[in-house]
């Protein structure tokens, strides 16, 4: 996973595995009957139609290359101030991008799902709601309960957990009619134009396709949707 900024702390990376992520989120306070993670098997329209709707957020795992890092720096220079209602946090812990992607996803849909009252996530988002992105990052970095939960999830996957990886998770969310790319390593949220809850998956897929096209020699991509159970 991508290196963090500002801390030497490193976690084991989360596997891009919906089952692992579901157990992680459900254990932290997302009721199973509210939302769940599921695989997106392809970005063609027919395959997107197979994903349970409505889609609340999209997670994307991609390989870090010199080209992707160059593009990231270019976009950082073009970052604009997001809507004040966007929940965004920086990444200060190495390999924490999977957990931060999930926090970005849930943090921007707390009005659409009902977290278990008094649960970790319920308390986390209430505690960090008025913080700035770096304060949220430091709050997470010092949260022992989340570190333990992340460690359990990171060792629950199908592949052997190792911190020597070169891939990175980002999240796509729709907030106030805009599609946002949320990546704790960036200067801030990246806006990708108009979107809606109904078109979120399709709009995110359009952006993801462009990222994949920039890395034609790699196959290390994975897309996971967080869908609302209805």
Protein backbone atom coordinates (compact mmCIF):
# COMPACT_ATOMS: atom_id res chain seq x y z
CA UNK A 1 0.00 0.00 0.00
CA UNK A 2 1.03 3.58 -0.42
CA UNK A 3 3.22 5.21 2.15
CA UNK A 4 1.62 7.66 4.52
CA UNK A 5 2.71 11.15 5.36
CA UNK A 6 3.80 12.26 8.80
CA UNK A 7 4.10 8.97 10.73
CA UNK A 8 6.34 5.92 10.94
CA UNK A 9 3.49 3.70 12.12
CA UNK A 10 2.56 0.96 9.66
CA UNK A 11 -0.30 -1.51 9.65
CA UNK A 12 -0.73 -4.67 7.63
CA UNK A 13 -2.77 -3.93 4.48
CA UNK A 14 -6.40 -4.95 4.10
CA UNK A 15 -7.12 -7.47 1.38
CA UNK A 16 -9.51 -6.40 -1.38
CA UNK A 17 -12.01 -8.98 -0.20
CA UNK A 18 -15.69 -8.10 0.38
CA UNK A 19 -16.13 -10.85 2.98
CA UNK A 20 -13.23 -9.51 5.03
CA UNK A 21 -14.44 -5.94 4.71
CA UNK A 22 -17.98 -6.90 5.67
CA UNK A 23 -16.88 -8.61 8.86
CA UNK A 24 -14.70 -5.59 9.62
CA UNK A 25 -17.49 -3.05 9.11
CA UNK A 26 -20.20 -5.15 10.76
CA UNK A 27 -17.98 -5.64 13.81
CA UNK A 28 -17.40 -1.90 14.09
CA UNK A 29 -21.04 -0.86 13.97
CA UNK A 30 -22.50 -1.10 10.46
CA UNK A 31 -25.50 -3.43 10.86
CA UNK A 32 -25.47 -6.24 8.24
CA UNK A 33 -29.03 -5.35 7.27
CA UNK A 34 -27.94 -1.78 6.45
CA UNK A 35 -25.01 -2.16 4.04
CA UNK A 36 -22.53 -4.65 2.66
CA UNK A 37 -19.50 -4.79 0.40
CA UNK A 38 -19.66 -6.71 -2.86
CA UNK A 39 -17.38 -7.36 -5.83
CA UNK A 40 -17.70 -5.40 -9.04
CA UNK A 41 -16.68 -7.97 -11.64
CA UNK A 42 -16.21 -5.55 -14.51
CA UNK A 43 -16.82 -2.00 -15.66
CA UNK A 44 -18.98 -2.79 -18.69
CA UNK A 45 -22.60 -1.74 -18.34
CA UNK A 46 -23.90 -5.32 -18.17
CA UNK A 47 -21.56 -6.18 -15.30
CA UNK A 48 -22.33 -2.95 -13.47
CA UNK A 49 -26.01 -3.85 -13.62
CA UNK A 50 -25.25 -7.01 -11.63
CA UNK A 51 -24.11 -4.99 -8.60
CA UNK A 52 -26.81 -4.70 -5.88
CA UNK A 53 -28.41 -1.26 -5.83
CA UNK A 54 -28.43 1.33 -4.49
CA UNK A 55 -24.65 1.75 -4.36
CA UNK A 56 -23.51 4.02 -1.53
CA UNK A 57 -19.77 4.16 -2.25
CA UNK A 58 -17.11 2.57 -4.44
CA UNK A 59 -13.64 1.41 -3.36
CA UNK A 60 -10.88 1.05 -5.94
CA UNK A 61 -7.55 -0.71 -5.49
CA UNK A 62 -4.89 0.17 -8.06
CA UNK A 63 -1.12 -0.29 -8.50
CA UNK A 64 1.23 2.53 -7.65
CA UNK A 65 3.48 3.40 -10.57
CA UNK A 66 5.64 6.36 -11.48
CA UNK A 67 2.89 7.42 -13.88
CA UNK A 68 0.11 7.19 -11.29
CA UNK A 69 2.19 9.15 -8.79
CA UNK A 70 2.93 11.83 -11.38
CA UNK A 71 -0.79 12.11 -12.12
CA UNK A 72 -1.53 12.36 -8.39
CA UNK A 73 0.84 15.29 -7.98
CA UNK A 74 -0.70 17.02 -10.99
CA UNK A 75 -4.20 16.61 -9.57
CA UNK A 76 -3.04 17.85 -6.16
CA UNK A 77 -2.11 21.13 -7.79
CA UNK A 78 -5.62 21.35 -9.21
CA UNK A 79 -7.47 20.41 -6.01
CA UNK A 80 -10.33 22.74 -5.17
CA UNK A 81 -12.06 23.28 -1.87
CA UNK A 82 -14.71 20.55 -1.52
CA UNK A 83 -18.18 20.89 -0.12
CA UNK A 84 -18.01 21.45 3.62
CA UNK A 85 -20.17 18.34 4.05
CA UNK A 86 -17.56 16.00 2.55
CA UNK A 87 -16.07 13.73 5.21
CA UNK A 88 -12.36 13.53 4.41
CA UNK A 89 -9.26 12.57 6.35
CA UNK A 90 -5.55 12.39 5.68
CA UNK A 91 -3.50 9.20 5.88
CA UNK A 92 -0.66 9.21 8.39
CA UNK A 93 -0.35 5.44 8.95
CA UNK A 94 1.38 3.28 6.36
CA UNK A 95 -0.85 0.65 4.71
CA UNK A 96 -3.97 2.10 6.34
CA UNK A 97 -5.50 3.12 2.99
CA UNK A 98 -8.04 0.26 3.02
CA UNK A 99 -9.39 1.26 6.41
CA UNK A 100 -9.35 4.95 5.48
CA UNK A 101 -11.20 4.12 2.26
CA UNK A 102 -13.90 2.41 4.32
CA UNK A 103 -14.03 5.33 6.76
CA UNK A 104 -14.41 7.74 3.82
CA UNK A 105 -17.21 5.56 2.47
CA UNK A 106 -19.15 5.26 5.73
CA UNK A 107 -18.39 8.81 6.87
CA UNK A 108 -20.19 10.21 3.84
CA UNK A 109 -23.31 8.04 4.16
CA UNK A 110 -24.11 8.33 7.86
CA UNK A 111 -27.38 10.01 6.88
CA UNK A 112 -28.29 7.06 4.64
CA UNK A 113 -27.54 4.17 6.98
CA UNK A 114 -28.14 3.75 10.70
CA UNK A 115 -24.99 2.86 12.62
CA UNK A 116 -25.40 0.85 15.80
CA UNK A 117 -25.71 3.38 18.61
CA UNK A 118 -22.65 3.41 20.84
CA UNK A 119 -20.61 1.32 18.40
CA UNK A 120 -17.03 2.15 17.45
CA UNK A 121 -18.00 3.83 14.18
CA UNK A 122 -20.87 5.71 15.80
CA UNK A 123 -18.49 7.16 18.39
CA UNK A 124 -15.69 7.69 15.86
CA UNK A 125 -17.72 9.82 13.49
CA UNK A 126 -19.35 11.79 16.31
CA UNK A 127 -15.92 12.46 17.83
CA UNK A 128 -14.29 13.53 14.56
CA UNK A 129 -17.18 15.37 12.88
CA UNK A 130 -15.83 18.83 13.69
CA UNK A 131 -12.14 17.96 13.16
CA UNK A 132 -10.07 18.93 10.14
CA UNK A 133 -8.58 16.18 7.89
CA UNK A 134 -5.23 16.01 9.74
CA UNK A 135 -6.85 15.96 13.17
CA UNK A 136 -8.97 13.02 12.04
CA UNK A 137 -5.85 11.24 10.80
CA UNK A 138 -4.09 11.68 14.15
CA UNK A 139 -7.21 10.59 16.02
CA UNK A 140 -7.20 7.36 13.98
CA UNK A 141 -3.45 6.90 14.37
CA UNK A 142 -3.79 6.97 18.16
CA UNK A 143 -6.92 4.82 18.33
CA UNK A 144 -5.85 1.45 19.70
CA UNK A 145 -9.28 -0.15 19.22
CA UNK A 146 -9.24 0.56 15.49
CA UNK A 147 -5.64 -0.62 15.18
CA UNK A 148 -6.56 -3.97 16.72
CA UNK A 149 -9.70 -4.31 14.57
CA UNK A 150 -7.69 -3.50 11.45
CA UNK A 151 -5.04 -6.08 12.39
CA UNK A 152 -7.67 -8.78 12.83
CA UNK A 153 -9.23 -7.95 9.45
CA UNK A 154 -5.84 -7.74 7.72
CA UNK A 155 -4.96 -11.29 8.78
CA UNK A 156 -8.37 -12.72 7.87
CA UNK A 157 -7.90 -12.69 4.10
CA UNK A 158 -7.06 -15.47 1.69
CA UNK A 159 -3.51 -14.28 1.07
CA UNK A 160 -0.64 -14.06 3.53
CA UNK A 161 -0.52 -10.64 5.14
CA UNK A 162 2.62 -8.65 4.35
CA UNK A 163 3.39 -4.94 4.44
CA UNK A 164 5.54 -5.14 1.32
CA UNK A 165 2.91 -4.22 -1.26
CA UNK A 166 2.63 -1.50 -3.87
CA UNK A 167 -1.09 -0.93 -4.32
CA UNK A 168 -3.45 1.67 -2.93
CA UNK A 169 -7.15 2.02 -2.02
CA UNK A 170 -9.23 5.10 -2.81
CA UNK A 171 -12.93 5.78 -2.33
CA UNK A 172 -15.53 7.38 -4.59
CA UNK A 173 -18.52 9.04 -2.93
CA UNK A 174 -21.38 11.23 -4.08
CA UNK A 175 -21.84 14.29 -1.87
CA UNK A 176 -24.11 17.22 -2.65
CA UNK A 177 -24.51 16.13 -6.27
CA UNK A 178 -20.78 15.79 -6.95
CA UNK A 179 -18.56 12.74 -7.41
CA UNK A 180 -15.57 12.91 -5.09
CA UNK A 181 -12.40 10.85 -5.17
CA UNK A 182 -11.20 10.51 -1.58
CA UNK A 183 -7.56 9.58 -1.01
CA UNK A 184 -5.83 10.41 2.26
CA UNK A 185 -2.50 10.91 0.49
CA UNK A 186 -3.75 13.78 -1.63
CA UNK A 187 -3.95 17.48 -0.86
CA UNK A 188 -7.71 17.08 -0.56
CA UNK A 189 -10.76 15.52 -2.21
CA UNK A 190 -10.76 15.48 -6.02
CA UNK A 191 -14.00 16.50 -7.75
CA UNK A 192 -15.00 14.57 -10.87
CA UNK A 193 -18.15 16.46 -11.79
CA UNK A 194 -21.85 16.01 -11.29
CA UNK A 195 -23.21 12.72 -9.95
CA UNK A 196 -26.16 11.30 -8.06
CA UNK A 197 -26.86 8.30 -5.84
CA UNK A 198 -28.43 6.56 -8.84
CA UNK A 199 -25.44 7.14 -11.12
CA UNK A 200 -22.62 6.87 -8.57
CA UNK A 201 -21.42 3.43 -9.68
CA UNK A 202 -21.46 4.32 -13.37
CA UNK A 203 -19.78 7.68 -12.76
CA UNK A 204 -17.06 6.11 -10.61
CA UNK A 205 -16.54 3.41 -13.27
CA UNK A 206 -15.87 6.11 -15.87
CA UNK A 207 -13.08 7.58 -13.74
CA UNK A 208 -11.70 4.15 -12.86
CA UNK A 209 -11.51 3.18 -16.54
CA UNK A 210 -9.30 6.19 -17.20
CA UNK A 211 -6.96 5.23 -14.36
CA UNK A 212 -6.72 1.67 -15.69
CA UNK A 213 -5.99 2.95 -19.19
CA UNK A 214 -3.01 4.86 -17.79
CA UNK A 215 -1.56 1.58 -16.47
CA UNK A 216 -2.07 -0.86 -19.38
CA UNK A 217 0.67 -3.25 -18.24
CA UNK A 218 -0.81 -3.96 -14.83
CA UNK A 219 -3.60 -6.31 -13.72
CA UNK A 220 -3.58 -5.32 -10.05
CA UNK A 221 -6.97 -3.61 -10.01
CA UNK A 222 -9.99 -4.35 -7.86
CA UNK A 223 -13.35 -2.61 -7.52
CA UNK A 224 -15.67 -3.10 -4.55
CA UNK A 225 -19.06 -1.47 -4.09
CA UNK A 226 -20.74 -0.75 -0.79
CA UNK A 227 -24.44 -1.29 -1.37
CA UNK A 228 -27.40 -0.55 0.85
CA UNK A 229 -29.48 -3.53 1.84
CA UNK A 230 -33.12 -2.82 1.04
